């Protein structure tokens, strides 16, 4: 449908990555000029993917002359791989040693695909990656540090922390009859019919009340 095509364009589905079957996806709308106009407009406007990419590229700390996260990250990865290589080399069983070394080499190739920009660009051109090299760097930095700013931006932070103060139900202060009445939580004769001011939930509904009884 037109709505789905517009949504796809807004999200950032590239025309060259669409499954074309036998026709361009716009041809199914035939002579519907209004639909074609909307599609053309959606293709010309910045997509969500593009806006996210631009935002990631501006991530603080990527500057080589500043914090230089990428340089530090690459060094940490190389140090980690070297440590794991030494562990693999110390393996007394030859078959296990070769297995670990081969696995380590595969992991090194994966990391090279993000550290070497030419490999990333090749994957980008093949459609195997979507973001620019710098946007990918920003995404990795944010992923590693995603917990840093979280509490400052939680509007309902007190509600998130309520589980910290939970106690066993047997230790929860018991409600008095007066308190139960105030909370509209008293039960009739041991049944589960919740009442408010002497009326069951069914009677309240029949009388046209829309208030939810907890």
Protein backbone atom coordinates (compact mmCIF):
# COMPACT_ATOMS: atom_id res chain seq x y z
CA UNK A 1 0.00 0.00 0.00
CA UNK A 2 1.01 3.63 -0.36
CA UNK A 3 1.20 4.07 3.42
CA UNK A 4 3.74 1.27 3.76
CA UNK A 5 5.88 2.61 0.92
CA UNK A 6 5.89 6.06 2.49
CA UNK A 7 6.77 4.60 5.90
CA UNK A 8 9.63 2.60 4.38
CA UNK A 9 11.02 5.73 2.73
CA UNK A 10 10.71 7.68 5.98
CA UNK A 11 12.61 4.95 7.83
CA UNK A 12 15.33 4.93 5.18
CA UNK A 13 14.80 1.87 2.96
CA UNK A 14 17.05 2.55 -0.01
CA UNK A 15 15.62 2.13 -3.50
CA UNK A 16 18.64 0.10 -4.65
CA UNK A 17 18.09 -2.42 -1.83
CA UNK A 18 14.42 -3.04 -2.53
CA UNK A 19 13.23 -6.35 -3.98
CA UNK A 20 12.05 -5.08 -7.34
CA UNK A 21 10.39 -8.25 -8.68
CA UNK A 22 9.82 -7.08 -12.25
CA UNK A 23 8.90 -3.43 -11.79
CA UNK A 24 9.87 -0.31 -9.91
CA UNK A 25 7.78 -0.16 -6.74
CA UNK A 26 6.21 3.15 -7.84
CA UNK A 27 4.73 1.68 -11.02
CA UNK A 28 1.99 -0.14 -9.15
CA UNK A 29 0.38 3.21 -8.45
CA UNK A 30 -0.07 3.78 -12.18
CA UNK A 31 -1.52 7.16 -12.97
CA UNK A 32 -2.24 8.17 -9.39
CA UNK A 33 -0.40 11.47 -9.52
CA UNK A 34 -1.08 12.31 -5.88
CA UNK A 35 0.42 9.01 -4.72
CA UNK A 36 3.46 9.46 -6.97
CA UNK A 37 3.92 13.00 -5.67
CA UNK A 38 3.89 11.79 -2.06
CA UNK A 39 6.39 9.05 -2.87
CA UNK A 40 8.71 11.46 -4.64
CA UNK A 41 8.51 13.85 -1.69
CA UNK A 42 9.25 11.08 0.81
CA UNK A 43 12.30 10.03 -1.22
CA UNK A 44 13.66 13.58 -1.34
CA UNK A 45 13.34 14.27 2.39
CA UNK A 46 15.94 13.13 4.95
CA UNK A 47 15.02 9.70 6.30
CA UNK A 48 15.13 8.64 9.93
CA UNK A 49 18.19 6.50 9.16
CA UNK A 50 20.01 9.48 7.67
CA UNK A 51 19.17 11.73 10.61
CA UNK A 52 20.34 9.09 13.09
CA UNK A 53 23.55 8.66 11.09
CA UNK A 54 24.25 12.40 11.16
CA UNK A 55 23.54 12.48 14.90
CA UNK A 56 25.91 9.57 15.57
CA UNK A 57 28.65 11.24 13.53
CA UNK A 58 28.55 14.18 15.96
CA UNK A 59 29.07 11.99 19.04
CA UNK A 60 31.48 13.75 21.43
CA UNK A 61 34.81 12.00 21.95
CA UNK A 62 35.43 10.79 18.41
CA UNK A 63 37.85 13.62 17.62
CA UNK A 64 41.41 12.34 17.15
CA UNK A 65 42.75 15.49 18.82
CA UNK A 66 40.37 15.18 21.77
CA UNK A 67 39.34 12.12 23.73
CA UNK A 68 40.12 9.96 20.68
CA UNK A 69 37.81 7.12 21.66
CA UNK A 70 38.44 5.21 18.44
CA UNK A 71 42.20 5.14 18.91
CA UNK A 72 41.83 3.99 22.50
CA UNK A 73 39.24 1.39 21.54
CA UNK A 74 41.47 -0.05 18.82
CA UNK A 75 44.39 -0.29 21.24
CA UNK A 76 42.20 -2.05 23.82
CA UNK A 77 41.02 -4.55 21.23
CA UNK A 78 44.58 -5.26 20.08
CA UNK A 79 45.72 -5.72 23.68
CA UNK A 80 42.82 -8.10 24.34
CA UNK A 81 43.52 -10.15 21.23
CA UNK A 82 47.20 -10.38 22.14
CA UNK A 83 46.34 -11.59 25.65
CA UNK A 84 44.04 -14.24 24.22
CA UNK A 85 46.71 -15.25 21.72
CA UNK A 86 49.20 -15.88 24.51
CA UNK A 87 46.61 -17.94 26.37
CA UNK A 88 45.99 -19.98 23.22
CA UNK A 89 49.72 -20.52 22.66
CA UNK A 90 50.08 -21.86 26.18
CA UNK A 91 47.48 -24.55 25.52
CA UNK A 92 49.24 -27.94 25.85
CA UNK A 93 46.87 -29.83 23.56
CA UNK A 94 47.84 -29.03 19.98
CA UNK A 95 44.37 -29.53 18.51
CA UNK A 96 42.81 -27.20 21.07
CA UNK A 97 45.60 -24.68 20.51
CA UNK A 98 44.98 -24.57 16.76
CA UNK A 99 41.24 -24.28 17.28
CA UNK A 100 41.69 -21.29 19.59
CA UNK A 101 44.19 -19.62 17.27
CA UNK A 102 41.88 -20.06 14.28
CA UNK A 103 38.95 -18.68 16.25
CA UNK A 104 41.10 -15.75 17.34
CA UNK A 105 42.05 -15.00 13.74
CA UNK A 106 38.40 -14.91 12.71
CA UNK A 107 37.66 -12.45 15.49
CA UNK A 108 40.61 -10.32 14.43
CA UNK A 109 39.18 -10.15 10.90
CA UNK A 110 35.83 -9.01 12.30
CA UNK A 111 37.50 -6.18 14.20
CA UNK A 112 39.54 -5.22 11.14
CA UNK A 113 36.29 -4.69 9.27
CA UNK A 114 35.50 -1.78 11.57
CA UNK A 115 39.01 -0.44 12.09
CA UNK A 116 39.95 -0.38 8.39
CA UNK A 117 37.75 2.19 6.69
CA UNK A 118 38.25 0.67 3.23
CA UNK A 119 36.76 -2.64 4.39
CA UNK A 120 33.84 -0.81 5.98
CA UNK A 121 33.24 1.15 2.77
CA UNK A 122 33.22 -2.07 0.74
CA UNK A 123 30.61 -3.56 3.08
CA UNK A 124 28.66 -0.31 2.86
CA UNK A 125 28.62 -0.46 -0.94
CA UNK A 126 27.38 -4.05 -0.84
CA UNK A 127 24.55 -3.08 1.49
CA UNK A 128 25.89 -5.20 4.36
CA UNK A 129 26.25 -2.09 6.50
CA UNK A 130 24.20 1.10 6.53
CA UNK A 131 25.94 3.75 8.62
CA UNK A 132 29.07 5.70 7.72
CA UNK A 133 32.35 4.75 9.38
CA UNK A 134 32.19 7.67 11.81
CA UNK A 135 28.54 6.99 12.65
CA UNK A 136 29.48 3.40 13.50
CA UNK A 137 32.21 4.69 15.80
CA UNK A 138 29.68 6.90 17.56
CA UNK A 139 27.24 4.01 17.93
CA UNK A 140 29.92 1.84 19.54
CA UNK A 141 30.96 4.62 21.93
CA UNK A 142 27.35 5.16 23.01
CA UNK A 143 26.75 1.42 23.41
CA UNK A 144 29.72 1.07 25.76
CA UNK A 145 28.67 4.09 27.82
CA UNK A 146 24.88 3.84 27.58
CA UNK A 147 24.44 3.71 31.37
CA UNK A 148 26.32 6.95 32.07
CA UNK A 149 23.54 9.55 31.57
CA UNK A 150 20.50 7.39 32.17
CA UNK A 151 19.36 8.56 35.64
CA UNK A 152 19.46 12.24 34.73
CA UNK A 153 16.91 11.68 31.99
CA UNK A 154 14.51 9.40 33.83
CA UNK A 155 11.41 11.48 34.50
CA UNK A 156 9.95 8.77 36.75
CA UNK A 157 13.21 7.70 38.37
CA UNK A 158 11.50 7.20 41.76
CA UNK A 159 9.09 4.70 40.21
CA UNK A 160 11.99 2.80 38.66
CA UNK A 161 13.61 2.54 42.09
CA UNK A 162 10.52 1.24 43.93
CA UNK A 163 11.66 -2.37 43.64
CA UNK A 164 14.61 -1.46 45.87
CA UNK A 165 12.25 -0.95 48.80
CA UNK A 166 10.08 -4.08 48.47
CA UNK A 167 9.65 -6.36 51.48
CA UNK A 168 7.96 -9.78 51.85
CA UNK A 169 4.16 -9.57 51.72
CA UNK A 170 3.90 -11.10 55.20
CA UNK A 171 5.74 -8.05 56.58
CA UNK A 172 3.64 -5.41 54.83
CA UNK A 173 1.65 -3.32 57.38
CA UNK A 174 -1.94 -4.59 57.51
CA UNK A 175 -4.71 -2.19 56.53
CA UNK A 176 -7.36 -1.29 59.09
CA UNK A 177 -11.04 -1.53 58.16
CA UNK A 178 -11.19 2.25 57.92
CA UNK A 179 -8.16 2.32 55.64
CA UNK A 180 -9.60 -0.42 53.45
CA UNK A 181 -12.78 1.60 53.12
CA UNK A 182 -10.82 4.67 52.10
CA UNK A 183 -8.93 2.70 49.49
CA UNK A 184 -12.13 1.00 48.26
CA UNK A 185 -10.51 -2.35 48.84
CA UNK A 186 -12.74 -4.20 51.28
CA UNK A 187 -14.26 -7.54 50.36
CA UNK A 188 -17.73 -8.85 51.07
CA UNK A 189 -17.97 -12.12 53.00
CA UNK A 190 -14.63 -13.44 51.80
CA UNK A 191 -15.62 -13.22 48.11
CA UNK A 192 -13.64 -11.44 45.44
CA UNK A 193 -16.39 -8.90 44.72
CA UNK A 194 -14.66 -5.56 45.15
CA UNK A 195 -17.00 -2.97 46.68
CA UNK A 196 -17.16 0.78 46.95
CA UNK A 197 -19.59 2.36 49.44
CA UNK A 198 -21.52 -0.92 49.72
CA UNK A 199 -21.87 -1.55 45.97
CA UNK A 200 -20.29 -4.39 44.08
CA UNK A 201 -18.27 -3.79 40.96
CA UNK A 202 -21.17 -5.17 38.92
CA UNK A 203 -23.62 -2.72 40.49
CA UNK A 204 -21.26 0.17 39.85
CA UNK A 205 -20.98 -0.81 36.21
CA UNK A 206 -24.76 -1.12 35.89
CA UNK A 207 -25.20 2.35 37.38
CA UNK A 208 -23.03 3.80 34.64
CA UNK A 209 -19.91 4.50 36.63
CA UNK A 210 -16.69 4.34 34.61
CA UNK A 211 -14.30 4.53 37.54
CA UNK A 212 -11.91 1.57 37.77
CA UNK A 213 -11.87 -0.17 41.13
CA UNK A 214 -8.41 -1.46 41.99
